[in-house]
N, C-alpha and C. Protein backbone atom coordinates (compact mmCIF):
# COMPACT_ATOMS: atom_id res chain seq x y z
N MET A 1 7.94 -35.71 29.59
CA MET A 1 7.32 -37.16 30.29
C MET A 1 6.47 -36.40 31.43
N ALA A 2 5.44 -36.51 31.89
CA ALA A 2 5.12 -36.24 32.96
C ALA A 2 4.43 -37.27 33.92
N LYS A 3 4.33 -36.98 35.26
CA LYS A 3 3.79 -38.17 36.17
C LYS A 3 2.60 -37.17 36.51
N VAL A 4 1.58 -37.75 36.27
CA VAL A 4 0.19 -37.90 36.77
C VAL A 4 -0.66 -38.91 37.15
N GLY A 5 -1.37 -38.12 38.39
CA GLY A 5 -2.19 -38.92 39.55
C GLY A 5 -3.62 -38.73 39.11
N TYR A 6 -4.32 -39.96 39.49
CA TYR A 6 -6.22 -39.55 39.56
C TYR A 6 -6.17 -40.14 39.98
N ILE A 7 -7.37 -39.28 41.25
CA ILE A 7 -7.85 -40.21 42.37
C ILE A 7 -9.60 -39.73 42.41
N PHE A 8 -10.62 -40.59 42.44
CA PHE A 8 -11.70 -40.71 42.51
C PHE A 8 -12.29 -40.81 43.85
N ASN A 9 -12.58 -39.49 44.44
CA ASN A 9 -12.85 -39.39 46.10
C ASN A 9 -14.14 -39.43 46.12
N SER A 10 -14.59 -40.68 46.29
CA SER A 10 -15.85 -41.18 46.74
C SER A 10 -15.92 -41.10 48.42
N GLU A 11 -17.27 -41.24 48.68
CA GLU A 11 -17.52 -41.00 50.36
C GLU A 11 -16.91 -42.45 50.99
N GLN A 12 -16.96 -43.52 50.31
CA GLN A 12 -16.40 -44.82 50.77
C GLN A 12 -14.99 -44.94 50.60
N TYR A 13 -14.10 -44.01 50.08
CA TYR A 13 -12.88 -44.03 49.74
C TYR A 13 -12.16 -43.41 50.91
N ASP A 14 -11.49 -44.31 51.96
CA ASP A 14 -10.91 -44.16 53.40
C ASP A 14 -9.51 -43.42 53.48
N THR A 15 -8.66 -44.20 52.26
CA THR A 15 -7.29 -43.68 51.69
C THR A 15 -7.11 -42.81 50.79
N PHE A 16 -7.99 -41.48 50.82
CA PHE A 16 -7.71 -40.54 49.93
C PHE A 16 -6.55 -39.74 50.40
N THR A 17 -6.27 -39.23 51.62
CA THR A 17 -5.19 -38.57 52.09
C THR A 17 -4.05 -38.79 51.96
N PHE A 18 -3.95 -40.35 51.94
CA PHE A 18 -2.89 -40.91 52.44
C PHE A 18 -2.64 -41.19 50.82
N ASP A 19 -3.22 -41.18 49.78
CA ASP A 19 -2.67 -41.77 48.55
C ASP A 19 -2.41 -40.38 47.51
N ARG A 20 -3.18 -39.66 48.08
CA ARG A 20 -2.58 -38.08 47.51
C ARG A 20 -1.32 -38.16 48.21
N ALA A 21 -1.01 -38.17 49.49
CA ALA A 21 0.40 -37.54 50.00
C ALA A 21 1.46 -38.68 49.09
N TRP A 22 1.41 -40.04 48.96
CA TRP A 22 1.69 -40.39 48.34
C TRP A 22 2.30 -40.30 46.92
N MET A 23 1.26 -39.86 46.27
CA MET A 23 1.88 -39.07 45.13
C MET A 23 2.13 -37.94 44.86
N GLU A 24 2.03 -36.85 46.14
CA GLU A 24 2.84 -35.50 46.42
C GLU A 24 4.40 -36.14 46.44
N LYS A 25 4.51 -36.80 47.16
CA LYS A 25 6.06 -37.55 48.08
C LYS A 25 6.56 -37.91 46.43
N TYR A 26 6.27 -38.72 45.58
CA TYR A 26 6.90 -39.27 44.72
C TYR A 26 6.89 -38.53 43.55
N GLY A 27 6.37 -37.19 43.62
CA GLY A 27 7.07 -36.00 42.56
C GLY A 27 6.10 -36.14 41.10
N TYR A 28 4.73 -36.48 41.51
CA TYR A 28 3.57 -36.24 40.61
C TYR A 28 3.82 -34.96 40.42
N CYS A 29 3.37 -34.41 39.10
CA CYS A 29 3.73 -33.11 38.58
C CYS A 29 1.94 -32.34 38.59
N ARG A 30 0.83 -33.25 38.48
CA ARG A 30 -0.36 -33.22 38.86
C ARG A 30 -1.19 -34.16 39.14
N ILE A 31 -1.96 -34.17 40.07
CA ILE A 31 -2.80 -34.98 40.99
C ILE A 31 -4.32 -34.62 40.81
N ILE A 32 -4.91 -35.29 39.54
CA ILE A 32 -6.55 -34.85 39.46
C ILE A 32 -7.56 -35.92 40.20
N GLU A 33 -8.28 -34.95 40.40
CA GLU A 33 -9.51 -35.76 41.29
C GLU A 33 -10.63 -35.23 41.05
N ASP A 34 -11.60 -36.01 41.08
CA ASP A 34 -12.83 -36.13 40.83
C ASP A 34 -13.48 -36.69 42.04
N SER A 35 -14.96 -36.12 42.12
CA SER A 35 -15.64 -36.25 43.55
C SER A 35 -16.99 -36.82 43.41
N ALA A 36 -17.25 -37.07 44.33
CA ALA A 36 -18.59 -38.12 44.28
C ALA A 36 -19.61 -37.90 43.70
N SER A 37 -19.82 -36.26 43.67
CA SER A 37 -20.94 -35.66 43.10
C SER A 37 -20.79 -35.87 41.47
N GLN A 38 -19.46 -35.85 41.10
CA GLN A 38 -19.16 -35.73 39.60
C GLN A 38 -19.12 -37.62 39.06
N GLU A 39 -19.73 -38.47 39.50
CA GLU A 39 -19.59 -40.00 39.75
C GLU A 39 -19.70 -40.11 37.93
N LYS A 40 -20.75 -39.53 37.66
CA LYS A 40 -21.32 -39.45 36.10
C LYS A 40 -21.00 -39.18 34.95
N THR A 41 -20.01 -37.66 35.40
CA THR A 41 -19.92 -36.97 34.18
C THR A 41 -17.93 -37.41 33.75
N ARG A 42 -17.64 -37.28 35.42
CA ARG A 42 -16.11 -37.30 35.51
C ARG A 42 -15.46 -36.72 34.96
N PRO A 43 -15.79 -34.83 34.60
CA PRO A 43 -15.27 -33.98 33.62
C PRO A 43 -13.62 -33.86 34.10
N GLU A 44 -12.84 -33.74 35.16
CA GLU A 44 -11.67 -33.94 35.43
C GLU A 44 -10.64 -35.32 34.64
N TRP A 45 -11.57 -36.39 34.54
CA TRP A 45 -10.98 -37.49 33.76
C TRP A 45 -10.75 -37.08 32.36
N LYS A 46 -12.20 -36.49 31.92
CA LYS A 46 -12.28 -36.43 30.38
C LYS A 46 -11.03 -35.50 29.99
N GLN A 47 -10.62 -34.35 31.01
CA GLN A 47 -9.88 -33.53 30.41
C GLN A 47 -8.74 -34.13 30.50
N LEU A 48 -8.45 -35.04 31.40
CA LEU A 48 -7.06 -35.02 31.65
C LEU A 48 -6.61 -36.50 30.45
N MET A 49 -7.43 -36.92 29.80
CA MET A 49 -7.43 -38.04 28.60
C MET A 49 -7.17 -36.99 27.58
N ASP A 50 -7.57 -35.76 27.62
CA ASP A 50 -7.46 -34.81 26.51
C ASP A 50 -5.72 -33.98 26.41
N CYS A 51 -5.27 -34.34 27.68
CA CYS A 51 -3.75 -33.39 28.27
C CYS A 51 -3.00 -34.83 27.97
N LEU A 52 -2.91 -35.70 27.92
CA LEU A 52 -2.20 -36.75 28.16
C LEU A 52 -1.22 -36.80 26.66
N GLU A 53 0.05 -36.99 26.87
CA GLU A 53 0.93 -37.19 25.32
C GLU A 53 1.65 -38.49 25.81
N ARG A 54 2.34 -38.64 24.95
CA ARG A 54 3.28 -39.87 24.83
C ARG A 54 3.95 -40.08 25.71
N GLY A 55 4.35 -40.65 26.47
CA GLY A 55 5.42 -41.18 27.49
C GLY A 55 4.86 -40.76 28.79
N ASP A 56 3.63 -39.75 28.76
CA ASP A 56 3.14 -39.76 30.00
C ASP A 56 2.93 -41.09 31.32
N GLU A 57 2.91 -40.78 32.08
CA GLU A 57 2.96 -41.87 33.64
C GLU A 57 1.46 -41.26 34.36
N LEU A 58 0.58 -42.35 34.00
CA LEU A 58 -0.62 -42.05 34.84
C LEU A 58 -0.84 -43.36 35.57
N VAL A 59 -1.05 -42.86 36.98
CA VAL A 59 -1.76 -43.70 37.93
C VAL A 59 -2.60 -43.25 39.08
N ILE A 60 -3.46 -44.25 38.48
CA ILE A 60 -4.72 -44.70 39.35
C ILE A 60 -4.99 -44.86 40.40
N SER A 61 -5.24 -44.15 41.77
CA SER A 61 -4.96 -44.86 43.12
C SER A 61 -6.17 -45.41 43.48
N ASN A 62 -6.85 -46.25 42.99
CA ASN A 62 -8.03 -47.22 42.92
C ASN A 62 -8.37 -48.09 42.07
N PHE A 63 -7.58 -48.87 42.11
CA PHE A 63 -7.87 -49.74 40.96
C PHE A 63 -9.44 -50.09 40.46
N CYS A 64 -9.78 -50.72 41.25
CA CYS A 64 -11.37 -50.66 41.44
C CYS A 64 -12.24 -50.18 40.47
N LYS A 65 -12.02 -48.54 40.53
CA LYS A 65 -12.41 -47.99 39.46
C LYS A 65 -12.11 -47.76 38.10
N VAL A 66 -11.13 -48.75 37.73
CA VAL A 66 -10.54 -48.65 36.23
C VAL A 66 -11.76 -49.05 35.48
N SER A 67 -12.97 -49.87 35.50
CA SER A 67 -13.44 -50.56 34.66
C SER A 67 -14.72 -49.74 34.70
N SER A 68 -14.99 -48.88 35.13
CA SER A 68 -15.67 -47.34 35.17
C SER A 68 -14.98 -46.43 34.31
N LEU A 69 -13.59 -46.32 34.23
CA LEU A 69 -13.09 -45.21 33.45
C LEU A 69 -13.20 -46.05 32.27
N LEU A 70 -12.35 -46.94 32.00
CA LEU A 70 -13.15 -47.81 30.71
C LEU A 70 -14.26 -47.68 30.05
N SER A 71 -15.43 -47.88 30.69
CA SER A 71 -16.66 -47.51 29.75
C SER A 71 -16.88 -46.28 29.54
N MET A 72 -16.26 -45.26 29.80
CA MET A 72 -16.28 -43.95 29.25
C MET A 72 -15.55 -43.43 27.93
N ASN A 73 -15.54 -44.56 26.94
CA ASN A 73 -14.99 -44.27 25.91
C ASN A 73 -13.76 -43.51 25.97
N THR A 74 -12.81 -44.27 26.60
CA THR A 74 -11.82 -43.55 27.21
C THR A 74 -10.75 -44.31 26.02
N TYR A 75 -9.27 -43.87 25.55
CA TYR A 75 -8.67 -44.25 24.92
C TYR A 75 -7.44 -44.45 25.44
N TRP A 76 -6.45 -45.38 25.28
CA TRP A 76 -5.11 -45.36 26.19
C TRP A 76 -4.09 -45.42 25.33
N LEU A 77 -3.07 -44.50 25.66
CA LEU A 77 -1.83 -44.55 24.88
C LEU A 77 -0.96 -45.18 25.38
């Protein structure tokens, strides 16, 4: 069981450094980042969805981004 964090680093996202720091502090084994230039395709998110296993813990740093992630034909374990 892994603890994985996901951060979408947009230009308006002013707490990126803070969010990454607390994920590191709490022992997240992987912190996945997508940049604003990849907003349409979000390749790191897609790769993350392929790698998650039953029992893994996923934390999304900015909850307002969840609706756009759900529209990407993503499945939830």
